[in-house]
Structures are given as structure tokens and as C-alpha cells.
Amino acid sequence: MKQQSGGSLDALTGLRFLAALHVVLFHFGTPCLQGVAPEWMVQVVASGYASVGVFFLLSGFVLAYNYVDAAGGMQTPPRAFWSARVARVYPVFLLMFLLSAVPTAQGSLAANTVPVAAAKLTTAGLTTLLLLQSWVPKLALYWNPPSWSVSVEAFFYAVFPALARRLERFRGARMTAALVGVWLLGLLPPVLYLVLMPDGPGPLNAASGGMWLAVVKLNPLARLPEFLLGVLLGLVFVRERAAAASRRSGAVMALAGAALLVAGFSQGAWIPYPLMHNALLAPASALLVYGLARGGGPLGQVLARPWLVHLGGASYALYLLQYPVSELVHWLERFVDLSSPTRFLAVLLVLLVPASVAVHRWVETPWRTRVRRGLQTWVDGTPARPAPAPVVPGT
């Protein structure tokens, strides 16, 4: 993570790994704990979907830290910002898209006739490649399900420069009101869903379907407040650092935020699912992120360990690679008995973590530089065409 004068945010990079791992455990680890672990621990793992909200807030915070000055202005031209974002996310995203093509096609062909499957695959493939799938509920999880959140992030990146130009006026009481306001705005979609129940009555949990529930969970506009909370919080931090008025430790804030998050996760079975999925725990995430940015005390020291920071750097690959690697583990079941959920998870993690580090090193890092270099002409603006050579009479 980029370092500015006065310190670094390595602890936040370590946090990214834990958040990504929490999502992986939610997808594949919950059955391992049922019947053998305390119920609160089962619920902590089963609430891993809520860690995506931590990513959204953390993304806004880090973008504000890296690209916004203390006055609230954008330090980087929009094209340079967008170029950096494309170079950051798209190479790994494209690799995961290709790795998911065969299992996605097999699943579609098994459920549809060839013409229908071809139409669905073409539509979903193009929508996903354009990072627009989160806008279409039926396509959001069609191709490598975790990639829906990259589509949401793409929208955040698209609007960030315009948002940054409007941050200057948020100071003092207005900033406090804005922080509270965007959190309440993030709660509005899930609250409306719980009041109106547009998909009909029935239990609500991570396995629940319904078009309107998908909109609440996956639509970029519904998740934008969590990102905005991170952006505003990041601006507060940038101003605090610029003023050098406070060198207070973030130890208490970080520990309080972490404790509140774990407590919230442990109550996942009793908190209404749409609220838990979206913004309910955002204040706890905000405390944790801000406290870690200040240093985080003992917790920050643990999360800033070099090996954990290295894994945090590979967390994006870890997050997107979990389903392709799980397909490989399913293939291995032909040769090895992996019927036990615990054994399946162990093999998955043994393959997934090194694979994510390899992808980060051999794909994400080098291709980030290549993509930025390839987009430099666009960043600089289209060069003017050379003037036509003068016509010399008589030639």
C-alpha cells in the first residue's frame, strides 16, 4: 500500500488478507465447524459475506488517502486515476474470467439447450468482461460469483473523481453529519426490503434468492454509501495527518472496531440478513480501519507483519481465485477422498494461498505496469496529427 510522509498503512494491507480469507471460509468452511465448534464461532464464519462491506469501506479510505489532498481536492487527473485502477484490477480479473469459462459453460450446457446456453454465455460473458454484471441481478453471480464485487468497485472508480471534487465543503459538523448520513443511507435499501418484502415472505439468509434481494445486495448504487463512508473517513485522516495536530494511537479504536465486528458476526443468525449483508456493521469497520491507519497498537503490529502484508498484497487474487481453485479440488476428488468438508477446505487452502501469491507476483504485478504503459497515450491525450507536408510547386 502506498506510503505517504509520516507512515504507512501496512496494517490495512494485512487486514485485506483476513477479510478475503473470511469470505473464503464463508463459502467453503462453515460445514467444518457445525457440530464441533461453539455456535458463536460457527456464526462468525457463516457471516463472512459481510466482510465484502469491509472491502468497500477500505477501498474508499485508501483511495482518499492516496488521491485526495487535505483541501478535499483530487491530486491526480481523472484519466491517470482510471488508468491506474484498470491496471490494478483488470489483468487478474481477466485471468479469472478465462479460468472460469469452462465450468461456467459446462453448467450452462447442463441446464439449457445449446442455443439457449450459447445466448446466456454470450450475454453473461460480455456483461462480465465490461464489469457491468452487478447491474443485472440474474447475471451478477453467473460468471465466477465473487467477481460481482469487482463490478461494484468499477462503478466506484468511475465516479470517484467527480466525488472528490465535492469533498472540500465537508468539515467539522458537516463532516460528522455526512458520515452519519451516508451510513443511514446505506441502511435504507435493506430496511425498505425488510418492510416491503418484495420477493414475498420466507426466511432470509445467505441461501435466499429473489430479484429484489439481489438488487439490495449487489447493485452498485445500494453499496455506494459504504464506499462513501470510507472516502469521507479517509479525508478526515488525510487532514489529521496534514495538520500534525494529533499523534494519538489508534490502539483503542482498532481493538474496539475489531471487537464490534466479531460480536456482530457472532450474532449473524439473529440479525436480519439484508442489514447484516450491507451497511449495519460499517461503523465498526470504520473504527477498525481508522484505528489501524493511526497505527493500531498491538493489533496493528500483528497485521503489519511482513508475511501478512505480503498475503494482503495477494488478497485480490485470493478472493477471485477461490472458485476456480475449488473446481480443481472437485476434480481431485476423482483420485482422493475429499468427502469430508474439513479435508476439502484444507486442500483448497493449501492450493489457494500459494496460487494467489503466484498470481500476484507473476500476473498482477508485472501486468499492472504493462497496462499502465499501454494506456499512457490515452492518459496524456490523443497526440495532434502532424501537419501535412507543404506541396512544393513543380514536384
Protein backbone atom coordinates (compact mmCIF):
# COMPACT_ATOMS: atom_id res chain seq x y z
CA MET A 1 0.00 0.00 0.00
CA LYS A 2 1.27 3.46 -0.91
CA GLN A 3 3.25 5.23 1.76
CA GLN A 4 3.00 8.95 2.35
CA SER A 5 5.11 11.14 4.60
CA GLY A 6 4.61 10.16 8.19
CA GLY A 7 3.96 6.46 7.95
CA SER A 8 2.40 3.62 6.00
CA LEU A 9 -0.83 1.69 6.02
CA ASP A 10 0.67 -1.80 6.09
CA ALA A 11 -1.79 -2.92 8.77
CA LEU A 12 -4.66 -2.23 6.36
CA THR A 13 -2.99 -4.45 3.76
CA GLY A 14 -2.83 -7.23 6.34
CA LEU A 15 -6.50 -6.61 7.10
CA ARG A 16 -7.32 -7.17 3.43
CA PHE A 17 -6.00 -10.73 3.67
CA LEU A 18 -8.10 -11.52 6.74
CA ALA A 19 -11.21 -10.07 5.09
CA ALA A 20 -10.61 -12.10 1.91
CA LEU A 21 -9.97 -15.24 3.95
CA HIS A 22 -13.19 -14.61 5.89
CA VAL A 23 -15.13 -14.62 2.61
CA VAL A 24 -13.43 -17.85 1.51
CA LEU A 25 -14.26 -19.52 4.84
CA PHE A 26 -17.87 -18.39 4.49
CA HIS A 27 -18.09 -20.08 1.09
CA PHE A 28 -16.31 -23.31 1.99
CA GLY A 29 -15.66 -23.54 5.73
CA THR A 30 -18.98 -23.27 7.54
CA PRO A 31 -19.77 -27.04 7.37
CA CYS A 32 -16.41 -27.78 9.00
CA LEU A 33 -17.47 -26.10 12.25
CA GLN A 34 -21.07 -27.21 12.55
CA GLY A 35 -21.47 -29.62 15.44
CA VAL A 36 -17.85 -29.32 16.58
CA ALA A 37 -17.45 -25.62 17.46
CA PRO A 38 -19.40 -23.19 19.64
CA GLU A 39 -22.37 -21.62 17.89
CA TRP A 40 -20.90 -18.13 18.05
CA MET A 41 -17.82 -19.34 16.18
CA VAL A 42 -19.97 -21.01 13.53
CA GLN A 43 -21.84 -17.74 13.08
CA VAL A 44 -18.60 -15.74 12.77
CA VAL A 45 -17.60 -17.89 9.80
CA ALA A 46 -21.14 -18.04 8.39
CA SER A 47 -21.25 -14.23 8.37
CA GLY A 48 -18.21 -13.97 6.11
CA TYR A 49 -20.31 -12.39 3.36
CA ALA A 50 -20.35 -9.20 5.45
CA SER A 51 -16.59 -8.80 5.01
CA VAL A 52 -17.22 -7.62 1.45
CA GLY A 53 -18.57 -4.46 3.07
CA VAL A 54 -15.22 -4.09 4.85
CA PHE A 55 -13.57 -4.14 1.41
CA PHE A 56 -15.86 -1.40 0.09
CA LEU A 57 -15.19 0.91 3.03
CA LEU A 58 -11.48 0.13 2.97
CA SER A 59 -11.37 0.86 -0.76
CA GLY A 60 -12.87 4.31 -0.26
CA PHE A 61 -10.50 5.06 2.61
CA VAL A 62 -7.38 4.05 0.70
CA LEU A 63 -8.40 5.93 -2.46
CA ALA A 64 -8.96 9.10 -0.44
CA TYR A 65 -5.61 8.60 1.31
CA ASN A 66 -3.75 8.15 -1.96
CA TYR A 67 -5.54 10.58 -4.27
CA VAL A 68 -7.17 13.38 -2.23
CA ASP A 69 -5.35 16.29 -0.59
CA ALA A 70 -6.20 17.92 2.73
CA ALA A 71 -8.31 20.55 0.99
CA GLY A 72 -10.51 17.82 -0.43
CA GLY A 73 -9.26 18.08 -4.00
CA MET A 74 -8.19 15.34 -6.40
CA GLN A 75 -4.40 15.22 -6.73
CA THR A 76 -4.40 13.09 -9.89
CA PRO A 77 -6.09 13.79 -13.24
CA PRO A 78 -9.09 11.51 -13.81
CA ARG A 79 -7.56 9.65 -16.75
CA ALA A 80 -4.42 8.86 -14.77
CA PHE A 81 -6.58 7.63 -11.89
CA TRP A 82 -8.72 5.42 -14.12
CA SER A 83 -5.63 4.07 -15.87
CA ALA A 84 -4.15 3.07 -12.51
CA ARG A 85 -7.40 1.38 -11.47
CA VAL A 86 -7.77 -0.60 -14.71
CA ALA A 87 -4.15 -1.71 -14.47
CA ARG A 88 -4.73 -2.73 -10.86
CA VAL A 89 -7.86 -4.84 -11.26
CA TYR A 90 -8.28 -5.99 -14.84
CA PRO A 91 -5.35 -8.37 -15.53
CA VAL A 92 -6.25 -10.70 -12.64
CA PHE A 93 -9.95 -10.25 -13.36
CA LEU A 94 -9.43 -11.33 -16.97
CA LEU A 95 -7.37 -14.33 -15.91
CA MET A 96 -10.10 -15.46 -13.51
CA PHE A 97 -12.69 -14.91 -16.24
CA LEU A 98 -10.80 -17.28 -18.52
CA LEU A 99 -10.23 -19.86 -15.78
CA SER A 100 -13.96 -19.83 -15.02
CA ALA A 101 -15.04 -20.19 -18.66
CA VAL A 102 -15.07 -24.00 -18.82
CA PRO A 103 -17.02 -24.70 -15.59
CA THR A 104 -19.44 -21.86 -16.41
CA ALA A 105 -20.03 -23.26 -19.89
CA GLN A 106 -20.44 -26.80 -18.55
CA GLY A 107 -23.02 -25.64 -16.01
CA SER A 108 -24.96 -23.68 -18.61
CA LEU A 109 -24.97 -26.56 -21.12
CA ALA A 110 -26.15 -28.98 -18.42
CA ALA A 111 -29.17 -26.79 -17.64
CA ASN A 112 -30.12 -25.48 -21.10
CA THR A 113 -30.29 -26.41 -24.73
CA VAL A 114 -27.25 -25.48 -26.81
CA PRO A 115 -28.81 -22.35 -28.40
CA VAL A 116 -30.10 -21.07 -25.05
CA ALA A 117 -26.79 -21.83 -23.33
CA ALA A 118 -24.88 -20.06 -26.10
CA ALA A 119 -27.09 -16.98 -25.75
CA LYS A 120 -26.72 -16.93 -21.97
CA LEU A 121 -22.97 -17.44 -22.10
CA THR A 122 -22.52 -14.71 -24.70
CA THR A 123 -24.66 -12.22 -22.79
CA ALA A 124 -23.15 -13.02 -19.41
CA GLY A 125 -19.63 -13.13 -20.81
CA LEU A 126 -19.81 -9.73 -22.48
CA THR A 127 -21.52 -8.15 -19.48
CA THR A 128 -18.89 -9.56 -17.14
CA LEU A 129 -15.96 -8.52 -19.33
CA LEU A 130 -17.35 -4.97 -19.31
CA LEU A 131 -17.66 -5.12 -15.49
CA LEU A 132 -21.38 -4.43 -15.68
CA GLN A 133 -22.73 -7.69 -14.28
CA SER A 134 -23.65 -6.31 -10.86
CA TRP A 135 -26.27 -4.09 -12.55
CA VAL A 136 -28.14 -7.17 -13.84
CA PRO A 137 -29.38 -9.33 -10.94
CA LYS A 138 -29.58 -12.55 -12.94
CA LEU A 139 -26.06 -12.14 -14.30
CA ALA A 140 -24.27 -10.78 -11.24
CA LEU A 141 -23.18 -14.23 -9.97
CA TYR A 142 -23.25 -16.08 -13.29
CA TRP A 143 -19.52 -16.00 -14.10
CA ASN A 144 -17.12 -16.53 -11.18
CA PRO A 145 -19.53 -15.33 -8.47
CA PRO A 146 -17.06 -13.26 -6.37
CA SER A 147 -16.42 -11.02 -9.38
CA TRP A 148 -19.70 -9.19 -8.74
CA SER A 149 -17.90 -7.03 -6.20
CA VAL A 150 -15.26 -6.05 -8.80
CA SER A 151 -18.12 -4.77 -10.95
CA VAL A 152 -19.33 -2.71 -7.98
CA GLU A 153 -15.81 -1.38 -7.42
CA ALA A 154 -15.59 -0.43 -11.10
CA PHE A 155 -18.58 1.85 -10.60
CA PHE A 156 -16.93 3.36 -7.53
CA TYR A 157 -13.81 4.05 -9.57
CA ALA A 158 -15.85 5.62 -12.34
CA VAL A 159 -17.49 8.18 -10.04
CA PHE A 160 -14.60 8.78 -7.63
CA PRO A 161 -13.00 11.75 -9.45
CA ALA A 162 -16.36 13.54 -9.60
CA LEU A 163 -16.99 12.80 -5.93
CA ALA A 164 -13.53 14.02 -4.92
CA ARG A 165 -14.24 17.45 -6.42
CA ARG A 166 -17.10 17.88 -3.94
CA LEU A 167 -15.30 16.99 -0.72
CA GLU A 168 -13.87 20.39 0.19
CA ARG A 169 -17.04 21.64 1.89
CA PHE A 170 -17.19 18.71 4.32
CA ARG A 171 -15.58 19.93 7.52
CA GLY A 172 -16.41 19.95 11.22
CA ALA A 173 -20.07 19.38 11.98
CA ARG A 174 -20.88 18.98 8.29
CA MET A 175 -18.38 16.14 8.03
CA THR A 176 -19.87 14.44 11.11
CA ALA A 177 -23.35 14.77 9.63
CA ALA A 178 -22.11 13.38 6.31
CA LEU A 179 -20.51 10.35 7.99
CA VAL A 180 -23.71 9.54 9.86
CA GLY A 181 -25.85 10.34 6.83
CA VAL A 182 -24.10 8.02 4.38
CA TRP A 183 -24.26 5.19 6.91
CA LEU A 184 -28.00 5.67 7.33
CA LEU A 185 -28.33 5.90 3.54
CA GLY A 186 -26.61 2.53 3.29
CA LEU A 187 -29.18 1.06 5.68
CA LEU A 188 -32.10 2.38 3.65
CA PRO A 189 -32.20 -0.34 0.92
CA PRO A 190 -32.14 -3.30 3.36
CA VAL A 191 -34.65 -1.61 5.69
CA LEU A 192 -37.02 -0.96 2.78
CA TYR A 193 -36.63 -4.56 1.70
CA LEU A 194 -37.47 -5.85 5.18
CA VAL A 195 -40.54 -3.59 5.35
CA LEU A 196 -41.86 -4.27 1.86
CA MET A 197 -40.63 -7.87 1.35
CA PRO A 198 -40.98 -7.51 -2.45
CA ASP A 199 -39.85 -11.09 -3.12
CA GLY A 200 -42.57 -12.49 -0.87
CA PRO A 201 -42.49 -13.93 2.64
CA GLY A 202 -39.98 -16.51 3.70
CA PRO A 203 -36.76 -16.98 5.64
CA LEU A 204 -33.90 -14.64 4.78
CA ASN A 205 -30.35 -15.93 4.86
CA ALA A 206 -27.31 -16.33 2.63
CA ALA A 207 -29.10 -19.01 0.58
CA SER A 208 -32.16 -16.85 -0.11
CA GLY A 209 -32.94 -15.84 -3.67
CA GLY A 210 -35.16 -13.20 -5.22
CA MET A 211 -34.54 -10.44 -7.72
CA TRP A 212 -35.08 -7.57 -5.29
CA LEU A 213 -32.86 -9.13 -2.64
CA ALA A 214 -30.15 -9.40 -5.30
CA VAL A 215 -30.59 -5.71 -6.10
CA VAL A 216 -30.21 -4.77 -2.44
CA LYS A 217 -27.14 -6.94 -2.02
CA LEU A 218 -25.31 -6.49 -5.31
CA ASN A 219 -26.36 -3.27 -7.03
CA PRO A 220 -23.58 -0.64 -7.04
CA LEU A 221 -25.94 2.16 -6.00
CA ALA A 222 -27.07 0.18 -2.95
CA ARG A 223 -23.45 -0.36 -1.90
CA LEU A 224 -22.18 3.14 -2.74
CA PRO A 225 -22.78 4.55 0.79
CA GLU A 226 -20.29 2.10 2.31
CA PHE A 227 -17.67 3.30 -0.15
CA LEU A 228 -18.57 6.94 0.51
CA LEU A 229 -18.18 6.37 4.24
CA GLY A 230 -14.65 5.15 3.56
CA VAL A 231 -13.88 8.14 1.32
CA LEU A 232 -15.05 10.64 3.94
CA LEU A 233 -13.18 8.82 6.67
CA GLY A 234 -10.06 8.82 4.52
CA LEU A 235 -10.35 12.58 4.06
CA VAL A 236 -10.61 13.05 7.83
CA PHE A 237 -7.44 11.01 8.21
CA VAL A 238 -5.59 12.94 5.47
CA ARG A 239 -6.45 16.23 7.19
CA GLU A 240 -5.40 14.90 10.58
CA ARG A 241 -2.04 13.83 9.17
CA ALA A 242 -1.56 17.11 7.30
CA ALA A 243 -2.30 19.19 10.39
CA ALA A 244 0.04 17.05 12.51
CA ALA A 245 -2.15 18.16 15.38
CA SER A 246 -2.62 14.72 16.80
CA ARG A 247 -0.36 11.71 17.12
CA ARG A 248 -2.84 9.74 19.16
CA SER A 249 -2.60 5.99 18.96
CA GLY A 250 -5.31 4.09 17.20
CA ALA A 251 -4.96 1.10 19.51
CA VAL A 252 -8.29 1.55 21.32
CA MET A 253 -10.17 2.35 18.11
CA ALA A 254 -8.74 -0.66 16.29
CA LEU A 255 -9.47 -3.07 19.14
CA ALA A 256 -12.98 -1.64 19.60
CA GLY A 257 -13.72 -1.93 15.89
CA ALA A 258 -12.42 -5.48 15.73
CA ALA A 259 -14.39 -6.49 18.83
CA LEU A 260 -17.59 -4.96 17.46
CA LEU A 261 -17.12 -6.72 14.12
CA VAL A 262 -16.55 -10.11 15.75
CA ALA A 263 -19.53 -9.53 18.05
CA GLY A 264 -21.70 -8.59 15.07
CA PHE A 265 -20.54 -11.60 13.06
CA SER A 266 -21.27 -13.89 16.01
CA GLN A 267 -24.89 -12.73 16.00
CA GLY A 268 -25.36 -13.27 12.28
CA ALA A 269 -28.13 -15.83 12.72
CA TRP A 270 -30.26 -13.37 14.69
CA ILE A 271 -29.59 -10.11 12.82
CA PRO A 272 -31.81 -9.61 9.73
CA TYR A 273 -29.78 -10.87 6.80
CA PRO A 274 -30.15 -7.83 4.44
CA LEU A 275 -28.95 -5.48 7.19
CA MET A 276 -26.02 -7.72 8.03
CA HIS A 277 -25.09 -8.09 4.37
CA ASN A 278 -24.97 -4.38 3.65
CA ALA A 279 -24.13 -1.49 5.97
CA LEU A 280 -25.08 -2.45 9.52
CA LEU A 281 -21.52 -3.12 10.66
CA ALA A 282 -19.96 -0.24 8.70
CA PRO A 283 -19.31 1.88 11.84
CA ALA A 284 -17.37 -1.00 13.36
CA SER A 285 -15.36 -1.35 10.15
CA ALA A 286 -14.76 2.40 10.21
CA LEU A 287 -13.35 2.25 13.75
CA LEU A 288 -11.10 -0.65 12.82
CA VAL A 289 -9.80 0.94 9.61
CA TYR A 290 -9.20 4.35 11.17
CA GLY A 291 -7.55 2.86 14.22
CA LEU A 292 -5.24 0.73 12.09
CA ALA A 293 -4.39 3.73 9.91
CA ARG A 294 -3.26 5.53 13.07
CA GLY A 295 -1.01 2.60 13.90
CA GLY A 296 -3.46 0.26 15.58
CA GLY A 297 -1.35 -0.53 18.63
CA PRO A 298 -0.75 -4.26 19.22
CA LEU A 299 -3.37 -5.27 16.65
CA GLY A 300 -1.77 -3.02 14.06
CA GLN A 301 1.65 -4.50 14.81
CA VAL A 302 0.31 -8.00 14.18
CA LEU A 303 -1.42 -7.04 10.92
CA ALA A 304 1.68 -5.19 9.71
CA ARG A 305 3.90 -8.27 9.96
CA PRO A 306 5.75 -8.64 6.62
CA TRP A 307 4.35 -12.08 5.83
CA LEU A 308 0.79 -10.90 6.47
CA VAL A 309 1.35 -7.76 4.39
CA HIS A 310 2.64 -9.99 1.59
CA LEU A 311 -0.50 -12.12 1.79
CA GLY A 312 -2.57 -8.94 1.88
CA GLY A 313 -0.98 -7.88 -1.37
CA ALA A 314 -2.20 -11.15 -2.88
CA SER A 315 -5.68 -10.90 -1.32
CA TYR A 316 -7.33 -9.68 -4.53
CA ALA A 317 -6.09 -12.78 -6.35
CA LEU A 318 -7.11 -14.95 -3.38
CA TYR A 319 -10.62 -13.53 -3.47
CA LEU A 320 -11.12 -14.07 -7.21
CA LEU A 321 -9.31 -17.40 -7.39
CA GLN A 322 -11.37 -19.22 -4.77
CA TYR A 323 -13.96 -20.68 -7.16
CA PRO A 324 -11.55 -21.71 -9.95
CA VAL A 325 -9.38 -23.47 -7.36
CA SER A 326 -12.45 -25.11 -5.82
CA GLU A 327 -13.23 -26.56 -9.26
CA LEU A 328 -9.73 -28.05 -9.28
CA VAL A 329 -10.30 -29.56 -5.84
CA HIS A 330 -13.58 -31.09 -7.06
CA TRP A 331 -11.62 -32.63 -9.94
CA LEU A 332 -9.10 -34.04 -7.46
CA GLU A 333 -11.96 -35.85 -5.71
CA ARG A 334 -11.75 -38.41 -8.51
CA PHE A 335 -8.42 -39.55 -7.12
CA VAL A 336 -8.50 -38.59 -3.43
CA ASP A 337 -11.24 -38.95 -0.84
CA LEU A 338 -12.26 -35.37 -0.05
CA SER A 339 -15.79 -36.13 1.10
CA SER A 340 -15.07 -34.57 4.50
CA PRO A 341 -15.73 -30.79 4.45
CA THR A 342 -12.66 -30.27 6.61
CA ARG A 343 -10.45 -32.22 4.21
CA PHE A 344 -11.89 -30.35 1.24
CA LEU A 345 -11.23 -26.99 2.89
CA ALA A 346 -7.69 -27.99 3.87
CA VAL A 347 -6.79 -28.97 0.30
CA LEU A 348 -8.48 -25.83 -1.02
CA LEU A 349 -6.43 -23.55 1.22
CA VAL A 350 -3.20 -25.45 0.56
CA LEU A 351 -3.69 -24.78 -3.16
CA LEU A 352 -5.39 -21.38 -2.98
CA VAL A 353 -2.96 -19.39 -0.86
CA PRO A 354 0.21 -20.24 -2.84
CA ALA A 355 -1.70 -19.83 -6.11
CA SER A 356 -2.84 -16.36 -5.11
CA VAL A 357 0.72 -15.37 -4.19
CA ALA A 358 1.94 -16.69 -7.56
CA VAL A 359 -0.76 -14.82 -9.47
CA HIS A 360 0.05 -11.64 -7.57
CA ARG A 361 3.73 -11.98 -8.39
CA TRP A 362 3.61 -13.25 -11.96
CA VAL A 363 0.38 -11.70 -13.28
CA GLU A 364 -0.90 -8.83 -11.18
CA THR A 365 2.38 -7.01 -10.52
CA PRO A 366 4.04 -7.17 -13.97
CA TRP A 367 0.85 -6.64 -15.94
CA ARG A 368 -0.08 -3.62 -13.87
CA THR A 369 3.00 -1.88 -15.25
CA ARG A 370 2.34 -3.07 -18.80
CA VAL A 371 -1.27 -1.97 -18.81
CA ARG A 372 -0.42 1.46 -17.45
CA ARG A 373 2.26 1.82 -20.07
CA GLY A 374 -0.21 0.80 -22.77
CA LEU A 375 -2.76 3.35 -21.56
CA GLN A 376 -0.27 6.20 -21.24
CA THR A 377 -1.13 7.69 -24.64
CA TRP A 378 -4.78 7.87 -23.61
CA VAL A 379 -3.81 9.39 -20.26
CA ASP A 380 -1.71 12.05 -21.95
CA GLY A 381 -4.40 12.77 -24.53
CA THR A 382 -4.51 11.90 -28.20
CA PRO A 383 -1.48 13.45 -29.82
CA ALA A 384 -2.15 16.00 -32.50
CA ARG A 385 -1.80 14.76 -36.04
CA PRO A 386 1.26 16.09 -37.81
CA ALA A 387 0.55 18.87 -40.24
CA PRO A 388 0.57 17.75 -43.87
CA ALA A 389 3.80 18.41 -45.69
CA PRO A 390 3.62 21.54 -47.83
CA VAL A 391 3.16 20.98 -51.51
CA VAL A 392 6.13 22.29 -53.44
CA PRO A 393 5.09 23.54 -56.88
CA GLY A 394 6.65 21.67 -59.70
CA THR A 395 7.24 18.43 -57.76
